[in-house]
N, C-alpha and C. Protein backbone atom coordinates (compact mmCIF):
# COMPACT_ATOMS: atom_id res chain seq x y z
N UNK A 1 0.59 -1.23 -0.05
CA UNK A 1 -0.11 0.03 -0.16
C UNK A 1 0.69 1.43 0.15
N UNK A 2 0.80 2.38 -1.00
CA UNK A 2 1.64 3.31 -0.95
C UNK A 2 0.83 4.44 -0.26
N UNK A 3 1.34 5.16 0.73
CA UNK A 3 1.20 6.28 1.36
C UNK A 3 1.48 7.61 0.42
N UNK A 4 0.66 8.36 0.88
CA UNK A 4 0.62 9.85 -0.14
C UNK A 4 1.72 10.73 0.62
N UNK A 5 2.24 11.25 -0.16
CA UNK A 5 3.30 12.10 0.32
C UNK A 5 3.10 13.68 0.25
N UNK A 6 1.77 13.78 -0.21
CA UNK A 6 1.21 14.98 -0.41
C UNK A 6 0.98 15.51 0.92
N UNK A 7 1.42 16.96 1.05
CA UNK A 7 0.96 17.49 2.41
C UNK A 7 -0.29 18.23 1.79
N UNK A 8 -1.35 18.37 3.05
CA UNK A 8 -2.15 19.01 3.00
C UNK A 8 -1.89 20.60 3.53
N UNK A 9 -2.46 21.70 2.66
CA UNK A 9 -2.25 22.89 2.90
C UNK A 9 -3.38 23.27 3.91
N UNK A 10 -2.49 23.85 5.11
CA UNK A 10 -3.83 24.45 5.94
C UNK A 10 -3.95 26.10 6.14
N UNK A 11 -5.03 26.79 5.65
CA UNK A 11 -4.99 27.95 5.37
C UNK A 11 -4.99 28.61 6.74
N UNK A 12 -4.26 29.60 7.07
CA UNK A 12 -4.16 30.30 8.39
C UNK A 12 -5.41 31.17 8.40
N UNK A 13 -5.76 30.92 9.88
CA UNK A 13 -7.34 31.61 10.16
C UNK A 13 -6.85 33.11 10.20
N UNK A 14 -7.81 34.19 9.77
CA UNK A 14 -7.60 35.42 9.89
C UNK A 14 -7.14 36.07 11.49
N UNK A 15 -6.48 36.71 11.67
CA UNK A 15 -6.09 37.25 13.14
C UNK A 15 -7.15 38.31 13.09
N UNK A 16 -7.48 38.21 14.74
CA UNK A 16 -8.38 39.44 14.73
C UNK A 16 -7.42 41.02 14.93
N UNK A 17 -8.28 41.57 15.06
CA UNK A 17 -7.93 43.33 14.80
C UNK A 17 -7.06 43.14 16.35
N UNK A 18 -6.17 43.93 16.39
CA UNK A 18 -5.32 43.97 17.86
C UNK A 18 -5.93 45.20 18.52
N UNK A 19 -6.37 44.94 19.84
CA UNK A 19 -6.56 46.10 20.98
C UNK A 19 -5.72 47.38 20.67
N UNK A 20 -6.48 48.83 20.45
CA UNK A 20 -5.48 49.52 20.73
C UNK A 20 -5.64 50.33 21.82
N UNK A 21 -4.82 51.53 22.57
CA UNK A 21 -4.84 52.23 23.50
C UNK A 21 -4.57 53.56 23.20
N UNK A 22 -5.67 54.34 24.44
CA UNK A 22 -5.06 55.82 24.54
C UNK A 22 -5.67 56.34 25.34
N UNK A 23 -4.92 57.50 25.73
CA UNK A 23 -5.29 58.27 26.95
C UNK A 23 -5.97 59.10 26.89
N UNK A 24 -6.74 59.40 27.67
CA UNK A 24 -7.81 60.20 27.71
C UNK A 24 -8.34 60.69 29.23
N UNK A 25 -9.46 61.69 29.14
CA UNK A 25 -10.15 62.26 30.33
C UNK A 25 -11.46 62.06 30.69
N UNK A 26 -11.75 61.63 31.61
CA UNK A 26 -13.28 61.35 32.09
C UNK A 26 -14.09 62.35 32.29
N UNK A 27 -15.10 62.55 30.95
CA UNK A 27 -15.80 63.80 31.17
C UNK A 27 -17.10 63.69 31.84
N UNK A 28 -17.54 62.29 31.81
CA UNK A 28 -18.97 61.71 32.52
C UNK A 28 -18.98 60.58 33.27
N UNK A 29 -19.11 60.39 34.52
CA UNK A 29 -19.18 59.01 35.12
C UNK A 29 -20.56 59.22 36.17
N UNK A 30 -21.19 57.99 35.77
CA UNK A 30 -22.31 57.72 36.55
C UNK A 30 -22.73 55.86 36.25
N UNK A 31 -22.96 55.35 37.68
CA UNK A 31 -23.57 54.13 37.77
C UNK A 31 -22.54 52.91 36.72
N UNK A 32 -21.11 52.92 36.88
CA UNK A 32 -20.40 52.18 35.99
C UNK A 32 -20.20 52.38 34.60
N UNK A 33 -20.72 53.48 34.19
CA UNK A 33 -20.52 54.10 32.91
C UNK A 33 -19.83 54.84 32.99
N UNK A 34 -18.73 54.73 32.01
CA UNK A 34 -17.92 56.48 31.88
C UNK A 34 -17.88 57.10 30.50
N UNK A 35 -17.87 58.15 30.13
CA UNK A 35 -17.68 58.60 28.76
C UNK A 35 -15.96 59.53 29.18
N UNK A 36 -15.19 59.02 28.09
CA UNK A 36 -13.77 59.59 28.03
C UNK A 36 -13.21 60.44 26.61
N UNK A 37 -12.98 61.55 27.16
CA UNK A 37 -12.64 62.42 25.77
C UNK A 37 -10.99 61.98 25.14
N UNK A 38 -11.09 61.39 24.05
CA UNK A 38 -10.05 61.02 24.01
C UNK A 38 -9.33 61.90 22.39
N UNK A 39 -8.78 62.98 22.62
CA UNK A 39 -8.66 63.82 21.73
C UNK A 39 -10.16 64.48 21.14
N UNK A 40 -10.35 64.59 19.95
CA UNK A 40 -11.83 64.83 19.49
C UNK A 40 -13.04 64.09 19.66
N UNK A 41 -12.93 62.86 20.17
CA UNK A 41 -13.64 62.00 20.29
C UNK A 41 -13.83 61.45 21.49
N UNK A 42 -15.03 60.94 21.87
CA UNK A 42 -15.54 60.51 23.31
C UNK A 42 -15.98 59.25 23.25
N UNK A 43 -15.41 58.43 23.87
CA UNK A 43 -15.60 57.04 24.07
C UNK A 43 -16.28 56.48 25.33
N UNK A 44 -17.23 55.68 25.13
CA UNK A 44 -18.01 55.05 26.00
C UNK A 44 -17.20 53.91 26.74
N UNK A 45 -17.00 53.84 27.74
CA UNK A 45 -15.91 52.69 28.35
C UNK A 45 -16.56 52.21 29.83
N UNK A 46 -16.14 50.85 29.72
CA UNK A 46 -16.42 50.29 31.05
C UNK A 46 -15.30 50.08 31.83
N UNK A 47 -15.25 49.92 33.27
CA UNK A 47 -14.09 50.00 34.05
C UNK A 47 -13.41 48.32 33.90
N UNK A 48 -12.58 48.27 33.58
CA UNK A 48 -11.54 46.70 33.71
C UNK A 48 -11.60 46.09 35.19
N UNK A 49 -11.89 45.23 35.19
CA UNK A 49 -11.43 44.28 36.51
C UNK A 49 -10.46 44.37 36.94
N UNK A 50 -9.14 44.58 36.14
CA UNK A 50 -7.79 45.08 37.04
C UNK A 50 -7.47 46.46 37.47
N UNK A 51 -8.73 47.28 37.12
CA UNK A 51 -8.52 48.79 37.41
C UNK A 51 -9.39 48.75 38.66
N UNK A 52 -8.87 48.36 39.83
CA UNK A 52 -9.68 48.66 41.22
C UNK A 52 -10.04 50.20 41.36
N UNK A 53 -9.39 50.92 41.27
CA UNK A 53 -9.56 52.66 41.33
C UNK A 53 -10.80 52.81 40.67
N UNK A 54 -11.85 53.41 41.44
CA UNK A 54 -12.98 53.94 40.63
C UNK A 54 -12.62 55.33 39.85
N UNK A 55 -12.99 55.32 38.34
CA UNK A 55 -12.57 56.81 37.87
C UNK A 55 -13.71 57.72 38.10
N UNK A 56 -13.44 58.73 38.44
CA UNK A 56 -14.16 59.78 38.54
C UNK A 56 -13.99 61.09 37.37
N UNK A 57 -15.23 62.05 37.57
CA UNK A 57 -14.73 62.91 36.43
C UNK A 57 -13.71 63.60 36.43
N UNK A 58 -12.98 63.97 35.14
CA UNK A 58 -11.62 65.01 35.28
C UNK A 58 -10.41 64.02 35.37
N UNK A 59 -10.81 62.80 35.64
CA UNK A 59 -9.08 61.79 35.94
C UNK A 59 -9.07 61.14 34.40
N UNK A 60 -7.55 61.45 34.71
CA UNK A 60 -6.51 61.12 33.27
C UNK A 60 -6.65 59.43 33.48
N UNK A 61 -7.19 58.71 32.19
CA UNK A 61 -7.15 57.43 32.27
C UNK A 61 -6.44 56.84 30.96
N UNK A 62 -6.00 55.52 31.44
CA UNK A 62 -5.80 54.80 30.20
C UNK A 62 -6.76 53.88 29.31
N UNK A 63 -7.20 54.10 28.33
CA UNK A 63 -8.19 53.20 27.65
C UNK A 63 -8.13 52.06 26.56
N UNK A 64 -8.49 50.76 26.68
CA UNK A 64 -8.04 49.92 25.72
C UNK A 64 -9.40 49.91 24.99
N UNK A 65 -8.93 49.98 23.64
CA UNK A 65 -10.55 49.81 22.89
C UNK A 65 -10.19 48.22 22.25
N UNK A 66 -11.17 47.24 22.51
CA UNK A 66 -11.40 45.89 22.37
C UNK A 66 -12.27 45.77 20.86
N UNK A 67 -11.67 45.28 19.84
CA UNK A 67 -12.66 45.23 18.86
C UNK A 67 -13.77 43.99 19.31
N UNK A 68 -14.88 44.24 18.78
CA UNK A 68 -15.94 43.26 19.42
C UNK A 68 -16.12 43.44 20.43
N UNK A 69 -15.59 44.06 21.69
CA UNK A 69 -16.10 43.85 23.10
C UNK A 69 -16.32 45.44 23.25
N UNK A 70 -15.68 46.53 22.97
CA UNK A 70 -16.10 48.02 23.46
C UNK A 70 -14.76 48.25 23.88
N UNK A 71 -14.56 49.16 24.97
CA UNK A 71 -13.73 49.93 25.18
C UNK A 71 -13.55 49.56 26.83
N UNK A 72 -12.11 49.79 27.66
CA UNK A 72 -12.06 49.55 29.04
C UNK A 72 -11.27 50.39 29.47
N UNK A 73 -11.64 50.77 30.73
CA UNK A 73 -10.34 51.46 31.36
C UNK A 73 -9.48 50.84 32.04
N UNK A 74 -8.29 50.93 31.88
CA UNK A 74 -7.25 49.89 32.39
C UNK A 74 -6.91 50.50 33.54
N UNK A 75 -7.03 51.74 33.48
CA UNK A 75 -6.03 52.68 34.97
C UNK A 75 -6.34 54.02 35.09
N UNK A 76 -6.15 54.23 35.98
CA UNK A 76 -6.55 55.88 36.41
C UNK A 76 -5.10 56.30 36.45
N UNK A 77 -4.67 57.27 35.77
CA UNK A 77 -2.94 57.58 35.50
C UNK A 77 -3.01 58.89 36.62
N UNK A 78 -4.20 59.72 36.52
CA UNK A 78 -3.80 61.32 37.32
C UNK A 78 -5.19 61.53 38.20
N UNK A 79 -5.33 61.98 38.90
CA UNK A 79 -6.27 62.60 39.77
C UNK A 79 -5.66 63.80 40.75
N UNK A 80 -6.41 64.94 40.59
CA UNK A 80 -5.97 66.01 41.34
C UNK A 80 -6.39 66.21 42.44
N UNK A 81 -6.00 66.06 43.78
CA UNK A 81 -6.13 66.48 45.09
C UNK A 81 -7.71 66.37 45.24
N UNK A 82 -7.94 64.31 45.04
CA UNK A 82 -9.16 63.95 45.70
C UNK A 82 -8.76 62.82 46.13
N UNK A 83 -9.90 62.32 46.78
CA UNK A 83 -9.57 60.95 47.74
C UNK A 83 -9.76 59.71 46.61
N UNK A 84 -8.90 58.47 46.72
CA UNK A 84 -9.11 57.55 45.93
C UNK A 84 -10.00 56.20 46.61
N UNK A 85 -11.12 55.97 45.93
CA UNK A 85 -11.67 54.71 46.43
C UNK A 85 -11.46 53.53 45.40
N UNK A 86 -11.23 52.70 45.82
CA UNK A 86 -11.18 50.84 45.46
C UNK A 86 -12.59 50.41 45.47
N UNK A 87 -13.14 50.55 44.46
CA UNK A 87 -14.44 49.65 44.53
C UNK A 87 -14.02 48.40 43.48
N UNK A 88 -14.90 47.29 44.06
CA UNK A 88 -14.64 46.17 43.28
C UNK A 88 -16.54 45.36 43.05
N UNK A 89 -16.73 44.67 42.31
CA UNK A 89 -18.24 44.11 42.31
C UNK A 89 -17.96 42.76 43.02
N UNK A 90 -18.86 42.02 43.64
CA UNK A 90 -18.57 40.73 44.55
C UNK A 90 -17.44 40.89 45.69
N UNK A 91 -17.20 39.76 45.71
CA UNK A 91 -16.27 39.24 46.96
C UNK A 91 -15.29 39.50 46.63
N UNK A 92 -14.27 39.82 47.33
CA UNK A 92 -13.05 40.03 47.56
C UNK A 92 -12.23 39.20 48.42
N UNK A 93 -11.05 38.44 47.73
CA UNK A 93 -10.31 37.47 48.58
C UNK A 93 -8.91 37.80 48.49
N UNK A 94 -8.08 37.90 49.23
CA UNK A 94 -6.68 37.99 49.19
C UNK A 94 -6.11 37.14 50.33
N UNK A 95 -5.22 36.35 49.37
CA UNK A 95 -4.57 35.11 49.95
C UNK A 95 -2.88 35.37 49.61
N UNK A 96 -2.19 34.81 50.84
CA UNK A 96 -1.11 35.26 50.99
C UNK A 96 -0.42 33.71 51.12
N UNK A 97 0.23 33.35 50.54
CA UNK A 97 0.70 31.75 50.75
C UNK A 97 1.77 31.51 51.74
N UNK A 98 2.37 32.73 51.66
CA UNK A 98 3.67 32.75 52.95
C UNK A 98 3.70 34.38 53.15
N UNK A 99 4.05 34.82 54.13
CA UNK A 99 4.29 36.22 54.57
C UNK A 99 3.31 36.69 55.42
N UNK A 100 3.50 38.39 55.81
CA UNK A 100 2.67 38.80 56.60
C UNK A 100 1.40 39.73 55.84
N UNK A 101 0.57 39.80 56.23
CA UNK A 101 -0.56 41.12 55.71
C UNK A 101 -0.45 42.06 56.49
N UNK A 102 0.19 43.40 56.05
CA UNK A 102 0.21 44.53 56.95
C UNK A 102 -0.62 45.82 56.69
N UNK A 103 -1.33 46.63 57.36
CA UNK A 103 -2.24 47.69 56.76
C UNK A 103 -1.59 48.75 57.75
N UNK A 104 -0.84 49.82 57.11
CA UNK A 104 -0.54 51.03 58.00
C UNK A 104 -1.46 52.14 57.55
N UNK A 105 -1.53 53.10 58.24
CA UNK A 105 -2.25 54.35 58.17
C UNK A 105 -1.95 55.46 58.96
N UNK A 106 -1.59 56.88 58.40
CA UNK A 106 -1.16 57.35 59.57
C UNK A 106 -2.12 58.39 60.36
N UNK A 107 -3.62 58.20 59.79
CA UNK A 107 -4.44 59.15 60.21
C UNK A 107 -5.24 58.19 61.19
N UNK A 108 -5.65 56.76 60.65
CA UNK A 108 -6.53 55.79 61.16
C UNK A 108 -7.14 54.98 60.21
N UNK A 109 -7.43 53.79 60.68
CA UNK A 109 -7.85 52.61 59.92
C UNK A 109 -9.19 52.39 60.54
N UNK A 110 -10.49 51.81 59.12
CA UNK A 110 -11.65 51.83 59.62
C UNK A 110 -12.21 50.63 59.17
N UNK A 111 -12.74 49.84 59.78
CA UNK A 111 -13.74 48.92 59.02
C UNK A 111 -15.18 48.85 59.60
N UNK A 112 -15.91 48.76 57.99
CA UNK A 112 -17.46 49.11 58.33
C UNK A 112 -18.07 47.78 57.74
N UNK A 113 -19.03 47.39 58.12
CA UNK A 113 -19.69 46.50 57.42
C UNK A 113 -21.45 46.62 57.99
N UNK A 114 -22.17 46.16 56.93
CA UNK A 114 -23.60 46.32 57.20
C UNK A 114 -23.96 45.23 58.02
N UNK A 115 -23.31 44.11 58.26
CA UNK A 115 -23.43 42.81 58.31
C UNK A 115 -22.61 42.08 59.43
N UNK A 116 -21.57 41.76 59.02
CA UNK A 116 -20.72 40.87 59.82
C UNK A 116 -19.22 41.31 59.75
N UNK A 117 -18.22 41.21 60.45
CA UNK A 117 -16.88 41.48 60.66
C UNK A 117 -16.40 40.10 61.22
N UNK A 118 -15.67 39.37 60.87
CA UNK A 118 -15.13 38.33 61.73
C UNK A 118 -13.81 38.24 61.60
N UNK A 119 -13.07 37.82 62.73
CA UNK A 119 -12.10 37.67 62.72
C UNK A 119 -11.31 36.16 63.47
N UNK A 120 -10.50 35.48 62.54
CA UNK A 120 -10.35 34.07 63.09
C UNK A 120 -8.77 33.92 62.95
N UNK A 121 -8.33 33.63 64.39
CA UNK A 121 -6.56 33.45 64.13
C UNK A 121 -6.09 32.79 65.34
N UNK A 122 -5.15 32.15 65.42
CA UNK A 122 -4.42 31.38 66.56
C UNK A 122 -4.03 32.20 67.65
N UNK A 123 -4.00 33.51 67.27
CA UNK A 123 -3.83 34.39 68.66
C UNK A 123 -3.81 36.03 68.05
N UNK A 124 -4.85 36.77 69.13
CA UNK A 124 -4.96 38.09 68.64
C UNK A 124 -4.83 39.24 69.93
N UNK A 125 -3.72 40.44 69.67
CA UNK A 125 -3.19 41.18 70.00
C UNK A 125 -3.89 42.49 69.70
N UNK A 126 -4.05 43.38 70.63
CA UNK A 126 -4.29 44.47 70.42
C UNK A 126 -3.69 45.44 71.67
N UNK A 127 -2.81 46.38 70.73
CA UNK A 127 -2.52 47.61 71.58
C UNK A 127 -2.78 48.96 71.17
N UNK A 128 -3.02 49.62 72.56
CA UNK A 128 -3.65 50.81 71.87
C UNK A 128 -3.24 52.05 73.09
N UNK A 129 -3.37 53.20 73.04
CA UNK A 129 -3.16 53.95 74.43
C UNK A 129 -4.44 54.17 75.05
N UNK A 130 -5.46 54.70 74.04
CA UNK A 130 -6.69 54.56 74.41
C UNK A 130 -7.90 53.50 73.63
N UNK A 131 -8.85 52.82 74.39
CA UNK A 131 -9.72 51.97 73.59
C UNK A 131 -11.29 52.55 74.34
N UNK A 132 -12.00 52.30 73.36
CA UNK A 132 -13.38 52.63 73.34
C UNK A 132 -14.15 51.60 72.92
N UNK A 133 -15.35 51.00 73.31
CA UNK A 133 -16.09 49.69 72.66
C UNK A 133 -17.40 49.60 73.31
N UNK A 134 -18.11 49.58 72.18
CA UNK A 134 -19.70 49.93 72.20
C UNK A 134 -20.53 48.56 71.87
N UNK A 135 -21.07 48.00 72.43
CA UNK A 135 -21.79 46.47 72.36
C UNK A 135 -22.83 46.53 72.45
N UNK A 136 -24.12 46.57 71.95
CA UNK A 136 -25.32 46.69 72.46
C UNK A 136 -25.69 44.98 72.95
N UNK A 137 -24.97 44.02 72.58
CA UNK A 137 -25.31 42.52 73.42
C UNK A 137 -24.01 42.12 72.86
N UNK A 138 -23.57 41.04 74.43
CA UNK A 138 -22.32 40.38 74.06
C UNK A 138 -22.39 39.23 74.63
N UNK A 139 -21.65 38.51 74.00
CA UNK A 139 -22.06 36.88 74.17
C UNK A 139 -20.18 36.59 74.23
N UNK A 140 -19.60 36.15 75.39
CA UNK A 140 -18.17 35.57 75.29
C UNK A 140 -18.24 34.08 75.91
N UNK A 141 -17.80 33.15 75.06
CA UNK A 141 -17.56 31.77 75.66
C UNK A 141 -15.90 31.77 75.86
N UNK A 142 -15.34 31.28 76.64
CA UNK A 142 -14.11 31.02 76.63
C UNK A 142 -13.56 30.13 77.86
N UNK A 143 -12.22 29.93 77.90
CA UNK A 143 -11.81 28.71 79.15
C UNK A 143 -11.18 29.36 80.06
N UNK A 144 -10.63 30.77 79.94
CA UNK A 144 -9.61 31.63 80.94
C UNK A 144 -9.46 33.13 80.46
N UNK A 145 -9.61 33.78 81.38
CA UNK A 145 -9.31 35.15 81.14
C UNK A 145 -8.36 35.62 82.70
N UNK A 146 -7.10 36.50 82.10
CA UNK A 146 -6.04 37.04 82.84
C UNK A 146 -6.33 38.33 82.70
N UNK A 147 -6.47 39.36 83.61
CA UNK A 147 -6.47 40.95 83.25
C UNK A 147 -5.44 41.05 83.95
N UNK A 148 -4.89 42.22 83.81
CA UNK A 148 -4.15 42.85 84.94
C UNK A 148 -4.27 44.53 84.75
N UNK A 149 -5.02 44.94 85.76
CA UNK A 149 -5.73 46.62 85.09
C UNK A 149 -4.92 47.45 86.42
N UNK A 150 -4.74 48.45 86.37
CA UNK A 150 -4.67 49.33 86.76
C UNK A 150 -5.52 50.10 87.98
N UNK A 151 -6.59 50.58 86.68
CA UNK A 151 -7.59 51.23 87.46
C UNK A 151 -8.70 50.82 86.36
N UNK A 152 -9.94 50.38 87.34
CA UNK A 152 -11.32 49.95 86.11
C UNK A 152 -12.29 50.67 86.86
N UNK A 153 -13.61 51.09 85.70
CA UNK A 153 -14.61 51.48 86.38
C UNK A 153 -15.52 51.16 85.31
N UNK A 154 -16.66 50.60 85.95
CA UNK A 154 -18.02 50.30 85.22
C UNK A 154 -19.24 50.83 85.80
N UNK A 155 -20.00 51.55 84.60
CA UNK A 155 -21.09 51.80 85.00
C UNK A 155 -22.46 50.99 84.25
N UNK A 156 -23.15 50.13 84.95
CA UNK A 156 -24.17 49.63 84.48
C UNK A 156 -25.74 49.57 84.62
N UNK A 157 -26.73 49.58 84.10
CA UNK A 157 -28.15 49.45 84.58
C UNK A 157 -28.35 48.52 85.19
N UNK A 158 -27.95 47.14 84.89
CA UNK A 158 -28.17 45.89 85.79
C UNK A 158 -27.15 45.05 85.10
N UNK A 159 -26.53 44.30 85.96
CA UNK A 159 -25.11 43.20 85.99
C UNK A 159 -25.69 41.76 86.94
N UNK A 160 -25.94 40.96 85.83
CA UNK A 160 -25.89 39.63 86.29
C UNK A 160 -24.96 39.07 85.89
N UNK A 161 -24.26 38.06 86.92
CA UNK A 161 -23.46 37.12 86.91
C UNK A 161 -23.48 35.52 87.29
N UNK A 162 -23.42 34.53 86.77
CA UNK A 162 -23.57 33.17 86.92
C UNK A 162 -22.23 32.38 86.89
N UNK A 163 -21.94 32.24 88.02
CA UNK A 163 -20.37 31.72 88.18
C UNK A 163 -20.22 30.46 89.17
N UNK A 164 -19.32 29.17 89.03
CA UNK A 164 -19.59 28.20 89.84
C UNK A 164 -18.76 28.41 91.15
N UNK A 165 -17.54 29.38 90.79
CA UNK A 165 -16.60 29.51 91.66
C UNK A 165 -16.06 31.15 91.62
N UNK A 166 -16.11 32.13 92.93
CA UNK A 166 -15.52 33.36 92.67
C UNK A 166 -14.57 33.23 93.71
N UNK A 167 -13.04 34.01 93.36
CA UNK A 167 -12.28 33.64 94.27
C UNK A 167 -11.49 35.41 93.94
N UNK A 168 -11.27 36.52 95.40
CA UNK A 168 -11.15 37.65 94.99
C UNK A 168 -10.27 37.98 96.11
N UNK A 169 -8.90 38.79 95.69
CA UNK A 169 -7.94 38.81 96.29
C UNK A 169 -7.62 40.34 96.25
N UNK A 170 -7.58 41.21 97.28
CA UNK A 170 -7.91 42.83 97.53
C UNK A 170 -6.79 43.21 98.63
N UNK A 171 -6.07 44.37 98.74
CA UNK A 171 -5.75 44.91 99.88
C UNK A 171 -7.01 45.65 100.49
N UNK A 172 -7.76 46.30 99.92
CA UNK A 172 -8.52 47.20 100.54
C UNK A 172 -9.85 46.89 99.53
N UNK A 173 -11.24 46.98 100.02
CA UNK A 173 -12.29 47.05 99.29
C UNK A 173 -13.47 47.91 99.97
N UNK A 174 -13.60 48.89 98.97
CA UNK A 174 -14.89 49.62 99.58
C UNK A 174 -15.73 49.43 98.89
N UNK A 175 -17.12 48.85 99.60
CA UNK A 175 -18.64 49.11 98.90
C UNK A 175 -19.62 50.04 99.51
N UNK A 176 -20.13 50.65 98.68
CA UNK A 176 -21.19 51.68 99.23
C UNK A 176 -22.56 50.78 98.11
N UNK A 177 -23.74 50.90 99.36
CA UNK A 177 -25.08 50.72 98.15
C UNK A 177 -25.72 51.70 99.16
N UNK A 178 -26.72 52.41 98.15
CA UNK A 178 -27.63 53.60 98.36
C UNK A 178 -28.59 52.96 98.99
N UNK A 179 -29.14 51.91 98.55
CA UNK A 179 -30.70 51.29 99.21
C UNK A 179 -30.28 49.84 99.96
N UNK A 180 -30.12 48.97 99.00
CA UNK A 180 -30.36 47.44 99.83
C UNK A 180 -29.43 46.40 99.23
N UNK A 181 -29.07 45.62 99.93
CA UNK A 181 -28.36 44.77 99.89
C UNK A 181 -28.34 43.64 100.33
N UNK A 182 -28.74 42.38 99.88
CA UNK A 182 -29.16 40.94 100.25
C UNK A 182 -27.72 39.96 100.11
N UNK A 183 -27.98 39.30 100.77
CA UNK A 183 -27.23 37.84 100.77
C UNK A 183 -27.79 36.68 101.10
N UNK A 184 -28.04 35.94 100.13
CA UNK A 184 -28.62 34.46 100.30
C UNK A 184 -27.70 33.33 100.22
N UNK A 185 -27.37 32.46 101.20
CA UNK A 185 -26.59 31.99 101.09
C UNK A 185 -26.64 30.18 102.21
N UNK A 186 -26.46 29.02 101.93
CA UNK A 186 -26.57 28.03 102.71
C UNK A 186 -25.74 28.20 104.19
N UNK A 187 -24.27 28.57 103.65
CA UNK A 187 -23.38 28.95 105.08
C UNK A 187 -22.58 30.23 104.81
N UNK A 188 -22.50 31.01 105.79
CA UNK A 188 -21.73 32.48 105.39
C UNK A 188 -20.82 32.28 106.68
N UNK A 189 -19.33 32.51 106.45
CA UNK A 189 -18.59 32.82 107.27
C UNK A 189 -17.34 33.82 107.06
N UNK A 190 -17.67 34.49 108.25
CA UNK A 190 -16.81 36.04 108.09
C UNK A 190 -15.64 35.75 109.40
N UNK A 191 -14.40 35.69 109.11
CA UNK A 191 -13.52 35.71 109.93
C UNK A 191 -12.30 37.36 109.81
N UNK A 192 -12.29 37.52 110.99
CA UNK A 192 -11.29 39.00 110.94
C UNK A 192 -10.27 38.54 112.00
N UNK A 193 -9.16 38.93 111.38
CA UNK A 193 -7.72 38.91 112.57
C UNK A 193 -7.97 39.68 113.67
N UNK A 194 -8.39 40.92 113.62
CA UNK A 194 -8.58 42.01 114.32
C UNK A 194 -9.94 42.04 114.90
N UNK A 195 -10.61 43.29 114.56
CA UNK A 195 -12.08 43.95 114.78
C UNK A 195 -12.86 43.60 113.75
N UNK A 196 -13.86 43.15 114.12
CA UNK A 196 -15.23 43.10 113.43
C UNK A 196 -16.45 43.73 113.78
N UNK A 197 -16.91 44.79 113.15
CA UNK A 197 -17.91 46.00 113.60
C UNK A 197 -19.04 45.77 112.86
N UNK A 198 -20.22 45.93 113.35
CA UNK A 198 -21.46 45.71 112.74
C UNK A 198 -22.46 46.97 113.33
N UNK A 199 -22.54 48.05 112.74
CA UNK A 199 -23.49 48.98 113.19
C UNK A 199 -24.48 49.24 112.51
N UNK A 200 -25.60 49.74 113.13
CA UNK A 200 -26.98 50.06 112.39
C UNK A 200 -28.04 51.05 113.48
N UNK A 201 -28.72 51.68 112.80
CA UNK A 201 -29.96 52.53 113.48
C UNK A 201 -30.47 51.19 114.61
N UNK A 202 -31.09 50.13 113.92
CA UNK A 202 -31.22 48.80 114.32
C UNK A 202 -30.64 47.57 113.69
N UNK A 203 -30.33 46.76 114.89
CA UNK A 203 -29.67 45.34 114.31
C UNK A 203 -30.25 44.21 114.86
N UNK A 204 -30.70 43.38 114.06
CA UNK A 204 -31.41 42.29 114.33
C UNK A 204 -30.73 41.09 114.26
N UNK A 205 -30.51 40.32 115.06
CA UNK A 205 -30.21 38.94 115.08
C UNK A 205 -30.96 37.94 115.27
N UNK A 206 -31.34 36.92 114.43
CA UNK A 206 -32.64 36.00 114.66
C UNK A 206 -31.85 34.69 114.16
N UNK A 207 -32.21 33.78 114.76
CA UNK A 207 -31.84 32.09 114.75
C UNK A 207 -33.17 31.22 114.93
N UNK A 208 -33.46 30.19 114.27
CA UNK A 208 -34.29 29.31 114.47
C UNK A 208 -34.02 27.98 115.80
N UNK A 209 -32.57 28.09 115.91
CA UNK A 209 -32.16 27.35 116.96
C UNK A 209 -31.26 27.90 118.10
N UNK A 210 -30.40 28.26 117.63
CA UNK A 210 -29.32 28.47 118.40
C UNK A 210 -28.47 30.00 118.15
N UNK A 211 -28.45 31.12 119.47
CA UNK A 211 -27.48 32.05 119.07
C UNK A 211 -26.67 31.88 120.34
N UNK A 212 -25.29 31.73 120.00
CA UNK A 212 -24.05 31.70 120.69
C UNK A 212 -23.21 33.29 120.61
N UNK A 213 -22.73 33.43 121.71
CA UNK A 213 -21.41 34.70 121.95
C UNK A 213 -20.70 33.90 122.74
N UNK A 214 -19.68 34.00 122.26
CA UNK A 214 -18.23 33.74 122.92
C UNK A 214 -16.95 34.48 122.81
N UNK A 215 -16.42 34.80 123.93
CA UNK A 215 -15.39 35.69 124.29
C UNK A 215 -14.99 35.56 125.24
N UNK A 216 -13.76 36.56 125.80
CA UNK A 216 -13.26 36.63 127.08
C UNK A 216 -14.09 37.99 127.50
N UNK A 217 -14.51 38.51 127.09
CA UNK A 217 -15.36 39.32 127.58
C UNK A 217 -16.40 39.82 126.96
N UNK A 218 -17.71 39.78 127.17
CA UNK A 218 -18.81 40.17 126.64
C UNK A 218 -19.45 41.40 127.37
N UNK A 219 -19.68 42.35 126.66
CA UNK A 219 -20.47 43.73 127.14
C UNK A 219 -21.84 43.96 126.51
N UNK A 220 -22.67 43.83 127.06
CA UNK A 220 -24.12 44.29 126.45
C UNK A 220 -24.52 45.87 127.33
N UNK A 221 -24.95 46.27 126.31
CA UNK A 221 -25.47 47.79 126.86
C UNK A 221 -24.48 48.93 126.81
């Protein structure tokens, strides 16, 4: 069987027309649509995905005209004395396979969300000279809390705590109750190394079974 040595001629496919780039100035910007003046012509363009800075009127931009697709603003080249806004559609994910992610600002950093802000980390550190936290409803679940505070001041309309054990160590404790203080316990044990004083306009001691006074000297009256 003889093989044909005649090569089949392949006609090259027509090459698409190459994109062109121009520099222009934004004359109108509204709802994601932009009109860019390039020389004497005005071009309607969209912001390219890679252009994260939202173009504004009077910005000098780089425009790419793609045949069959339209025009895209690739970058904002110049802006005079105005803030810069990074605007993206959809979710944004920043991934670093290695290294650290650092955000620095001289005047301040603000995180704002209409729904949720989540922080997940093996360790969280917060260092600040002044701090202010306002939370309408707070839920905390943890194993241990250790705090070293020079001075703490708490103002609350109501404070409810339910714990299995409370241990407090202090050099001096002062309690000022304007109206009423109640203690309900199965057993109460007060021990003072020196003096214990109970004072009041009226003092009542009531026991169902036994009242015992024991001391080297007992003075009544």
